């Protein structure tokens, strides 16, 4: 069952990046962040993703998050880069 959370988690982070980071920051727990990273890393692959090409997946994740991050600060943009790399090293 745990493996089914990755795609919805990735879709949420991509579509609502600002809200996503606000949610992560609300409790300031590293475990919550790591849970999201683990879910997306483990099962957040779309049909178009080749799991052996993590750089391509990471770039698509970053691009979608940044495109939907209207009015985001430079800090948030930087966090997107880190988050994408954490998910798809």
PDB file of N, CA and C in Angstrom:
ATOM      1  N   UNK A   1       0.816  -1.199   0.000  1.00  0.00           N
ATOM      2  CA  UNK A   1       0.000   0.000   0.000  1.00  0.00           C
ATOM      3  C   UNK A   1       0.861   1.266   0.000  1.00  0.00           C
ATOM      4  N   UNK A   2       1.984   1.222   0.690  1.00  0.00           N
ATOM      5  CA  UNK A   2       2.840   2.407   0.777  1.00  0.00           C
ATOM      6  C   UNK A   2       3.323   2.859  -0.594  1.00  0.00           C
ATOM      7  N   UNK A   3       3.554   1.915  -1.492  1.00  0.00           N
ATOM      8  CA  UNK A   3       4.062   2.282  -2.803  1.00  0.00           C
ATOM      9  C   UNK A   3       3.065   3.067  -3.642  1.00  0.00           C
ATOM     10  N   UNK A   4       1.799   3.068  -3.274  1.00  0.00           N
ATOM     11  CA  UNK A   4       0.786   3.782  -4.054  1.00  0.00           C
ATOM     12  C   UNK A   4       0.726   5.272  -3.735  1.00  0.00           C
ATOM     13  N   UNK A   5       1.510   5.744  -2.800  1.00  0.00           N
ATOM     14  CA  UNK A   5       1.452   7.157  -2.408  1.00  0.00           C
ATOM     15  C   UNK A   5       2.360   8.057  -3.238  1.00  0.00           C
ATOM     16  N   UNK A   6       3.308   7.490  -3.941  1.00  0.00           N
ATOM     17  CA  UNK A   6       4.320   8.290  -4.616  1.00  0.00           C
ATOM     18  C   UNK A   6       3.813   9.218  -5.694  1.00  0.00           C
ATOM     19  N   UNK A   7       2.988   8.715  -6.595  1.00  0.00           N
ATOM     20  CA  UNK A   7       2.497   9.568  -7.684  1.00  0.00           C
ATOM     21  C   UNK A   7       1.612  10.697  -7.160  1.00  0.00           C
ATOM     22  N   UNK A   8       0.633  10.426  -6.291  1.00  0.00           N
ATOM     23  CA  UNK A   8      -0.144  11.551  -5.758  1.00  0.00           C
ATOM     24  C   UNK A   8       0.717  12.547  -4.981  1.00  0.00           C
ATOM     25  N   UNK A   9       1.711  12.050  -4.261  1.00  0.00           N
ATOM     26  CA  UNK A   9       2.610  12.948  -3.521  1.00  0.00           C
ATOM     27  C   UNK A   9       3.380  13.833  -4.495  1.00  0.00           C
ATOM     28  N   UNK A  10       3.894  13.234  -5.552  1.00  0.00           N
ATOM     29  CA  UNK A  10       4.631  14.001  -6.556  1.00  0.00           C
ATOM     30  C   UNK A  10       3.723  15.017  -7.243  1.00  0.00           C
ATOM     31  N   UNK A  11       2.517  14.609  -7.584  1.00  0.00           N
ATOM     32  CA  UNK A  11       1.577  15.523  -8.241  1.00  0.00           C
ATOM     33  C   UNK A  11       1.250  16.720  -7.345  1.00  0.00           C
ATOM     34  N   UNK A  12       1.065  16.468  -6.061  1.00  0.00           N
ATOM     35  CA  UNK A  12       0.773  17.562  -5.130  1.00  0.00           C
ATOM     36  C   UNK A  12       1.955  18.526  -5.042  1.00  0.00           C
ATOM     37  N   UNK A  13       3.155  17.988  -4.860  1.00  0.00           N
ATOM     38  CA  UNK A  13       4.339  18.848  -4.753  1.00  0.00           C
ATOM     39  C   UNK A  13       4.546  19.650  -6.037  1.00  0.00           C
ATOM     40  N   UNK A  14       4.296  19.034  -7.182  1.00  0.00           N
ATOM     41  CA  UNK A  14       4.459  19.724  -8.463  1.00  0.00           C
ATOM     42  C   UNK A  14       3.422  20.825  -8.650  1.00  0.00           C
ATOM     43  N   UNK A  15       2.194  20.551  -8.295  1.00  0.00           N
ATOM     44  CA  UNK A  15       1.103  21.491  -8.554  1.00  0.00           C
ATOM     45  C   UNK A  15       1.026  22.616  -7.536  1.00  0.00           C
ATOM     46  N   UNK A  16       1.381  22.313  -6.292  1.00  0.00           N
ATOM     47  CA  UNK A  16       1.263  23.299  -5.215  1.00  0.00           C
ATOM     48  C   UNK A  16       2.573  23.411  -4.419  1.00  0.00           C
ATOM     49  N   UNK A  17       3.665  23.800  -5.077  1.00  0.00           N
ATOM     50  CA  UNK A  17       4.959  23.797  -4.391  1.00  0.00           C
ATOM     51  C   UNK A  17       5.031  24.730  -3.176  1.00  0.00           C
ATOM     52  N   UNK A  18       4.453  25.898  -3.289  1.00  0.00           N
ATOM     53  CA  UNK A  18       4.493  26.849  -2.176  1.00  0.00           C
ATOM     54  C   UNK A  18       3.741  26.274  -0.976  1.00  0.00           C
ATOM     55  N   UNK A  19       2.552  25.769  -1.212  1.00  0.00           N
ATOM     56  CA  UNK A  19       1.743  25.145  -0.165  1.00  0.00           C
ATOM     57  C   UNK A  19       2.455  23.906   0.405  1.00  0.00           C
ATOM     58  N   UNK A  20       3.095  23.149  -0.477  1.00  0.00           N
ATOM     59  CA  UNK A  20       3.826  21.970  -0.049  1.00  0.00           C
ATOM     60  C   UNK A  20       4.904  22.331   0.970  1.00  0.00           C
ATOM     61  N   UNK A  21       5.718  23.323   0.677  1.00  0.00           N
ATOM     62  CA  UNK A  21       6.778  23.715   1.608  1.00  0.00           C
ATOM     63  C   UNK A  21       6.216  24.335   2.886  1.00  0.00           C
ATOM     64  N   UNK A  22       5.110  25.044   2.787  1.00  0.00           N
ATOM     65  CA  UNK A  22       4.462  25.562   3.999  1.00  0.00           C
ATOM     66  C   UNK A  22       4.003  24.407   4.885  1.00  0.00           C
ATOM     67  N   UNK A  23       3.463  23.373   4.276  1.00  0.00           N
ATOM     68  CA  UNK A  23       3.037  22.179   5.012  1.00  0.00           C
ATOM     69  C   UNK A  23       4.240  21.501   5.674  1.00  0.00           C
ATOM     70  N   UNK A  24       5.315  21.339   4.937  1.00  0.00           N
ATOM     71  CA  UNK A  24       6.522  20.718   5.471  1.00  0.00           C
ATOM     72  C   UNK A  24       7.064  21.535   6.643  1.00  0.00           C
ATOM     73  N   UNK A  25       7.029  22.852   6.523  1.00  0.00           N
ATOM     74  CA  UNK A  25       7.577  23.729   7.553  1.00  0.00           C
ATOM     75  C   UNK A  25       6.686  23.867   8.781  1.00  0.00           C
ATOM     76  N   UNK A  26       5.416  23.520   8.650  1.00  0.00           N
ATOM     77  CA  UNK A  26       4.456  23.740   9.738  1.00  0.00           C
ATOM     78  C   UNK A  26       4.873  23.051  11.030  1.00  0.00           C
ATOM     79  N   UNK A  27       5.399  21.849  10.940  1.00  0.00           N
ATOM     80  CA  UNK A  27       5.809  21.130  12.138  1.00  0.00           C
ATOM     81  C   UNK A  27       7.322  21.099  12.305  1.00  0.00           C
ATOM     82  N   UNK A  28       8.034  21.489  11.253  1.00  0.00           N
ATOM     83  CA  UNK A  28       9.494  21.534  11.292  1.00  0.00           C
ATOM     84  C   UNK A  28      10.106  20.209  11.747  1.00  0.00           C
ATOM     85  N   UNK A  29       9.575  19.119  11.194  1.00  0.00           N
ATOM     86  CA  UNK A  29      10.098  17.792  11.516  1.00  0.00           C
ATOM     87  C   UNK A  29      10.790  17.221  10.287  1.00  0.00           C
ATOM     88  N   UNK A  30      12.028  16.814  10.460  1.00  0.00           N
ATOM     89  CA  UNK A  30      12.774  16.233   9.347  1.00  0.00           C
ATOM     90  C   UNK A  30      12.134  14.935   8.873  1.00  0.00           C
ATOM     91  N   UNK A  31      11.456  14.239   9.776  1.00  0.00           N
ATOM     92  CA  UNK A  31      10.830  12.972   9.407  1.00  0.00           C
ATOM     93  C   UNK A  31       9.743  13.177   8.358  1.00  0.00           C
ATOM     94  N   UNK A  32       8.983  14.252   8.485  1.00  0.00           N
ATOM     95  CA  UNK A  32       7.914  14.522   7.523  1.00  0.00           C
ATOM     96  C   UNK A  32       8.505  14.755   6.134  1.00  0.00           C
ATOM     97  N   UNK A  33       9.532  15.567   6.067  1.00  0.00           N
ATOM     98  CA  UNK A  33      10.199  15.827   4.794  1.00  0.00           C
ATOM     99  C   UNK A  33      10.719  14.517   4.207  1.00  0.00           C
ATOM    100  N   UNK A  34      11.380  13.727   5.038  1.00  0.00           N
ATOM    101  CA  UNK A  34      11.954  12.473   4.556  1.00  0.00           C
ATOM    102  C   UNK A  34      10.876  11.496   4.110  1.00  0.00           C
ATOM    103  N   UNK A  35       9.737  11.487   4.770  1.00  0.00           N
ATOM    104  CA  UNK A  35       8.621  10.633   4.348  1.00  0.00           C
ATOM    105  C   UNK A  35       8.170  10.987   2.933  1.00  0.00           C
ATOM    106  N   UNK A  36       8.077  12.280   2.641  1.00  0.00           N
ATOM    107  CA  UNK A  36       7.688  12.720   1.303  1.00  0.00           C
ATOM    108  C   UNK A  36       8.743  12.341   0.274  1.00  0.00           C
ATOM    109  N   UNK A  37       9.991  12.581   0.606  1.00  0.00           N
ATOM    110  CA  UNK A  37      11.085  12.220  -0.303  1.00  0.00           C
ATOM    111  C   UNK A  37      11.059  10.719  -0.581  1.00  0.00           C
ATOM    112  N   UNK A  38      10.910   9.923   0.468  1.00  0.00           N
ATOM    113  CA  UNK A  38      10.900   8.469   0.309  1.00  0.00           C
ATOM    114  C   UNK A  38       9.743   7.997  -0.564  1.00  0.00           C
ATOM    115  N   UNK A  39       8.561   8.561  -0.330  1.00  0.00           N
ATOM    116  CA  UNK A  39       7.387   8.157  -1.109  1.00  0.00           C
ATOM    117  C   UNK A  39       7.582   8.476  -2.587  1.00  0.00           C
ATOM    118  N   UNK A  40       8.061   9.672  -2.867  1.00  0.00           N
ATOM    119  CA  UNK A  40       8.245  10.088  -4.254  1.00  0.00           C
ATOM    120  C   UNK A  40       9.400   9.317  -4.895  1.00  0.00           C
ATOM    121  N   UNK A  41      10.463   9.121  -4.157  1.00  0.00           N
ATOM    122  CA  UNK A  41      11.622   8.374  -4.686  1.00  0.00           C
ATOM    123  C   UNK A  41      11.259   6.940  -5.012  1.00  0.00           C
ATOM    124  N   UNK A  42      10.465   6.359  -4.153  1.00  0.00           N
ATOM    125  CA  UNK A  42      10.156   4.936  -4.262  1.00  0.00           C
ATOM    126  C   UNK A  42       9.103   4.634  -5.316  1.00  0.00           C
ATOM    127  N   UNK A  43       8.065   5.444  -5.383  1.00  0.00           N
ATOM    128  CA  UNK A  43       6.953   5.093  -6.272  1.00  0.00           C
ATOM    129  C   UNK A  43       6.364   6.282  -7.010  1.00  0.00           C
ATOM    130  N   UNK A  44       7.101   7.360  -7.097  1.00  0.00           N
ATOM    131  CA  UNK A  44       6.576   8.549  -7.753  1.00  0.00           C
ATOM    132  C   UNK A  44       6.930   8.650  -9.216  1.00  0.00           C
ATOM    133  N   UNK A  45       7.000   7.516  -9.895  1.00  0.00           N
ATOM    134  CA  UNK A  45       7.369   7.510 -11.307  1.00  0.00           C
ATOM    135  C   UNK A  45       6.125   7.550 -12.185  1.00  0.00           C
ATOM    136  N   UNK A  46       6.151   8.430 -13.184  1.00  0.00           N
ATOM    137  CA  UNK A  46       5.095   8.480 -14.188  1.00  0.00           C
ATOM    138  C   UNK A  46       5.432   7.494 -15.297  1.00  0.00           C
ATOM    139  N   UNK A  47       4.475   7.231 -16.147  1.00  0.00           N
ATOM    140  CA  UNK A  47       4.692   6.315 -17.269  1.00  0.00           C
ATOM    141  C   UNK A  47       5.842   6.776 -18.170  1.00  0.00           C
ATOM    142  N   UNK A  48       6.042   8.076 -18.273  1.00  0.00           N
ATOM    143  CA  UNK A  48       7.089   8.599 -19.157  1.00  0.00           C
ATOM    144  C   UNK A  48       8.481   8.518 -18.530  1.00  0.00           C
ATOM    145  N   UNK A  49       8.564   8.220 -17.233  1.00  0.00           N
ATOM    146  CA  UNK A  49       9.840   8.213 -16.530  1.00  0.00           C
ATOM    147  C   UNK A  49      10.610   6.917 -16.750  1.00  0.00           C
ATOM    148  N   UNK A  50      11.878   7.061 -17.007  1.00  0.00           N
ATOM    149  CA  UNK A  50      12.800   5.927 -17.040  1.00  0.00           C
ATOM    150  C   UNK A  50      13.585   6.004 -15.742  1.00  0.00           C
ATOM    151  N   UNK A  51      13.313   5.105 -14.824  1.00  0.00           N
ATOM    152  CA  UNK A  51      13.880   5.193 -13.481  1.00  0.00           C
ATOM    153  C   UNK A  51      15.414   5.178 -13.485  1.00  0.00           C
ATOM    154  N   UNK A  52      16.015   4.765 -14.572  1.00  0.00           N
ATOM    155  CA  UNK A  52      17.469   4.769 -14.658  1.00  0.00           C
ATOM    156  C   UNK A  52      18.022   6.141 -15.047  1.00  0.00           C
ATOM    157  N   UNK A  53      17.143   7.044 -15.415  1.00  0.00           N
ATOM    158  CA  UNK A  53      17.569   8.393 -15.808  1.00  0.00           C
ATOM    159  C   UNK A  53      17.059   9.399 -14.777  1.00  0.00           C
ATOM    160  N   UNK A  54      17.639   9.308 -13.586  1.00  0.00           N
ATOM    161  CA  UNK A  54      17.158  10.142 -12.483  1.00  0.00           C
ATOM    162  C   UNK A  54      17.336  11.633 -12.760  1.00  0.00           C
ATOM    163  N   UNK A  55      18.359  12.001 -13.513  1.00  0.00           N
ATOM    164  CA  UNK A  55      18.564  13.422 -13.822  1.00  0.00           C
ATOM    165  C   UNK A  55      17.392  13.974 -14.639  1.00  0.00           C
ATOM    166  N   UNK A  56      16.911  13.208 -15.604  1.00  0.00           N
ATOM    167  CA  UNK A  56      15.769  13.640 -16.409  1.00  0.00           C
ATOM    168  C   UNK A  56      14.513  13.784 -15.550  1.00  0.00           C
ATOM    169  N   UNK A  57      14.289  12.822 -14.672  1.00  0.00           N
ATOM    170  CA  UNK A  57      13.115  12.872 -13.791  1.00  0.00           C
ATOM    171  C   UNK A  57      13.225  14.075 -12.863  1.00  0.00           C
ATOM    172  N   UNK A  58      14.408  14.260 -12.288  1.00  0.00           N
ATOM    173  CA  UNK A  58      14.657  15.391 -11.383  1.00  0.00           C
ATOM    174  C   UNK A  58      14.383  16.713 -12.091  1.00  0.00           C
ATOM    175  N   UNK A  59      14.855  16.838 -13.333  1.00  0.00           N
ATOM    176  CA  UNK A  59      14.651  18.086 -14.084  1.00  0.00           C
ATOM    177  C   UNK A  59      13.177  18.329 -14.381  1.00  0.00           C
ATOM    178  N   UNK A  60      12.430  17.268 -14.700  1.00  0.00           N
ATOM    179  CA  UNK A  60      10.981  17.443 -14.939  1.00  0.00           C
ATOM    180  C   UNK A  60      10.277  17.874 -13.659  1.00  0.00           C
ATOM    181  N   UNK A  61      10.652  17.274 -12.541  1.00  0.00           N
ATOM    182  CA  UNK A  61      10.054  17.648 -11.258  1.00  0.00           C
ATOM    183  C   UNK A  61      10.345  19.119 -10.950  1.00  0.00           C
ATOM    184  N   UNK A  62      11.599  19.520 -11.088  1.00  0.00           N
ATOM    185  CA  UNK A  62      11.972  20.915 -10.821  1.00  0.00           C
ATOM    186  C   UNK A  62      11.225  21.875 -11.735  1.00  0.00           C
ATOM    187  N   UNK A  63      11.162  21.543 -13.006  1.00  0.00           N
ATOM    188  CA  UNK A  63      10.504  22.425 -13.976  1.00  0.00           C
ATOM    189  C   UNK A  63       9.035  22.619 -13.630  1.00  0.00           C
ATOM    190  N   UNK A  64       8.342  21.525 -13.322  1.00  0.00           N
ATOM    191  CA  UNK A  64       6.914  21.631 -12.994  1.00  0.00           C
ATOM    192  C   UNK A  64       6.697  22.409 -11.700  1.00  0.00           C
ATOM    193  N   UNK A  65       7.522  22.137 -10.696  1.00  0.00           N
ATOM    194  CA  UNK A  65       7.364  22.848  -9.430  1.00  0.00           C
ATOM    195  C   UNK A  65       7.621  24.339  -9.611  1.00  0.00           C
ATOM    196  N   UNK A  66       8.672  24.692 -10.327  1.00  0.00           N
ATOM    197  CA  UNK A  66       9.003  26.106 -10.534  1.00  0.00           C
ATOM    198  C   UNK A  66       7.948  26.806 -11.374  1.00  0.00           C
ATOM    199  N   UNK A  67       7.404  26.117 -12.362  1.00  0.00           N
ATOM    200  CA  UNK A  67       6.365  26.695 -13.206  1.00  0.00           C
ATOM    201  C   UNK A  67       5.119  27.036 -12.377  1.00  0.00           C
ATOM    202  N   UNK A  68       4.839  26.230 -11.372  1.00  0.00           N
ATOM    203  CA  UNK A  68       3.659  26.440 -10.535  1.00  0.00           C
ATOM    204  C   UNK A  68       3.952  27.231  -9.263  1.00  0.00           C
ATOM    205  N   UNK A  69       5.153  27.706  -9.125  1.00  0.00           N
ATOM    206  CA  UNK A  69       5.541  28.434  -7.921  1.00  0.00           C
ATOM    207  C   UNK A  69       5.458  29.937  -8.186  1.00  0.00           C
ATOM    208  N   UNK A  70       4.254  30.401  -8.371  1.00  0.00           N
ATOM    209  CA  UNK A  70       3.997  31.804  -8.682  1.00  0.00           C
ATOM    210  C   UNK A  70       4.324  32.660  -7.453  1.00  0.00           C
ATOM    211  N   UNK A  71       5.166  33.658  -7.647  1.00  0.00           N
ATOM    212  CA  UNK A  71       5.510  34.570  -6.568  1.00  0.00           C
ATOM    213  C   UNK A  71       6.385  33.964  -5.486  1.00  0.00           C
ATOM    214  N   UNK A  72       7.051  32.896  -5.791  1.00  0.00           N
ATOM    215  CA  UNK A  72       7.905  32.254  -4.795  1.00  0.00           C
ATOM    216  C   UNK A  72       9.217  33.018  -4.637  1.00  0.00           C
ATOM    217  N   UNK A  73       9.746  32.962  -3.449  1.00  0.00           N
ATOM    218  CA  UNK A  73      11.016  33.614  -3.160  1.00  0.00           C
ATOM    219  C   UNK A  73      12.167  32.811  -3.755  1.00  0.00           C
ATOM    220  N   UNK A  74      13.323  33.430  -3.805  1.00  0.00           N
ATOM    221  CA  UNK A  74      14.524  32.734  -4.272  1.00  0.00           C
ATOM    222  C   UNK A  74      14.840  31.549  -3.364  1.00  0.00           C
ATOM    223  N   UNK A  75      14.562  31.708  -2.088  1.00  0.00           N
ATOM    224  CA  UNK A  75      14.791  30.617  -1.132  1.00  0.00           C
ATOM    225  C   UNK A  75      13.931  29.398  -1.491  1.00  0.00           C
ATOM    226  N   UNK A  76      12.681  29.638  -1.821  1.00  0.00           N
ATOM    227  CA  UNK A  76      11.794  28.537  -2.190  1.00  0.00           C
ATOM    228  C   UNK A  76      12.249  27.887  -3.494  1.00  0.00           C
ATOM    229  N   UNK A  77      12.672  28.691  -4.444  1.00  0.00           N
ATOM    230  CA  UNK A  77      13.182  28.156  -5.710  1.00  0.00           C
ATOM    231  C   UNK A  77      14.399  27.264  -5.436  1.00  0.00           C
ATOM    232  N   UNK A  78      15.258  27.708  -4.541  1.00  0.00           N
ATOM    233  CA  UNK A  78      16.426  26.909  -4.167  1.00  0.00           C
ATOM    234  C   UNK A  78      16.001  25.610  -3.471  1.00  0.00           C
ATOM    235  N   UNK A  79      14.992  25.680  -2.645  1.00  0.00           N
ATOM    236  CA  UNK A  79      14.485  24.488  -1.962  1.00  0.00           C
ATOM    237  C   UNK A  79      13.927  23.476  -2.962  1.00  0.00           C
ATOM    238  N   UNK A  80      13.319  23.955  -4.021  1.00  0.00           N
ATOM    239  CA  UNK A  80      12.814  23.062  -5.067  1.00  0.00           C
ATOM    240  C   UNK A  80      13.970  22.257  -5.654  1.00  0.00           C
ATOM    241  N   UNK A  81      15.080  22.934  -5.936  1.00  0.00           N
ATOM    242  CA  UNK A  81      16.253  22.243  -6.470  1.00  0.00           C
ATOM    243  C   UNK A  81      16.734  21.154  -5.511  1.00  0.00           C
ATOM    244  N   UNK A  82      16.801  21.471  -4.247  1.00  0.00           N
ATOM    245  CA  UNK A  82      17.257  20.507  -3.238  1.00  0.00           C
ATOM    246  C   UNK A  82      16.272  19.356  -3.115  1.00  0.00           C
ATOM    247  N   UNK A  83      14.990  19.672  -3.062  1.00  0.00           N
ATOM    248  CA  UNK A  83      13.969  18.647  -2.931  1.00  0.00           C
ATOM    249  C   UNK A  83      14.009  17.676  -4.107  1.00  0.00           C
ATOM    250  N   UNK A  84      14.105  18.208  -5.314  1.00  0.00           N
ATOM    251  CA  UNK A  84      14.157  17.358  -6.499  1.00  0.00           C
ATOM    252  C   UNK A  84      15.373  16.439  -6.465  1.00  0.00           C
ATOM    253  N   UNK A  85      16.505  16.973  -6.035  1.00  0.00           N
ATOM    254  CA  UNK A  85      17.711  16.155  -5.944  1.00  0.00           C
ATOM    255  C   UNK A  85      17.591  15.102  -4.852  1.00  0.00           C
ATOM    256  N   UNK A  86      16.930  15.440  -3.748  1.00  0.00           N
ATOM    257  CA  UNK A  86      16.710  14.470  -2.688  1.00  0.00           C
ATOM    258  C   UNK A  86      15.805  13.329  -3.170  1.00  0.00           C
ATOM    259  N   UNK A  87      14.816  13.671  -3.977  1.00  0.00           N
ATOM    260  CA  UNK A  87      13.885  12.658  -4.480  1.00  0.00           C
ATOM    261  C   UNK A  87      14.505  11.775  -5.553  1.00  0.00           C
ATOM    262  N   UNK A  88      15.256  12.391  -6.445  1.00  0.00           N
ATOM    263  CA  UNK A  88      15.839  11.664  -7.568  1.00  0.00           C
ATOM    264  C   UNK A  88      17.324  12.002  -7.696  1.00  0.00           C
ATOM    265  N   UNK A  89      18.134  11.394  -6.824  1.00  0.00           N
ATOM    266  CA  UNK A  89      19.588  11.707  -6.814  1.00  0.00           C
ATOM    267  C   UNK A  89      20.312  11.232  -8.062  1.00  0.00           C
TER     268      UNK A  89
END
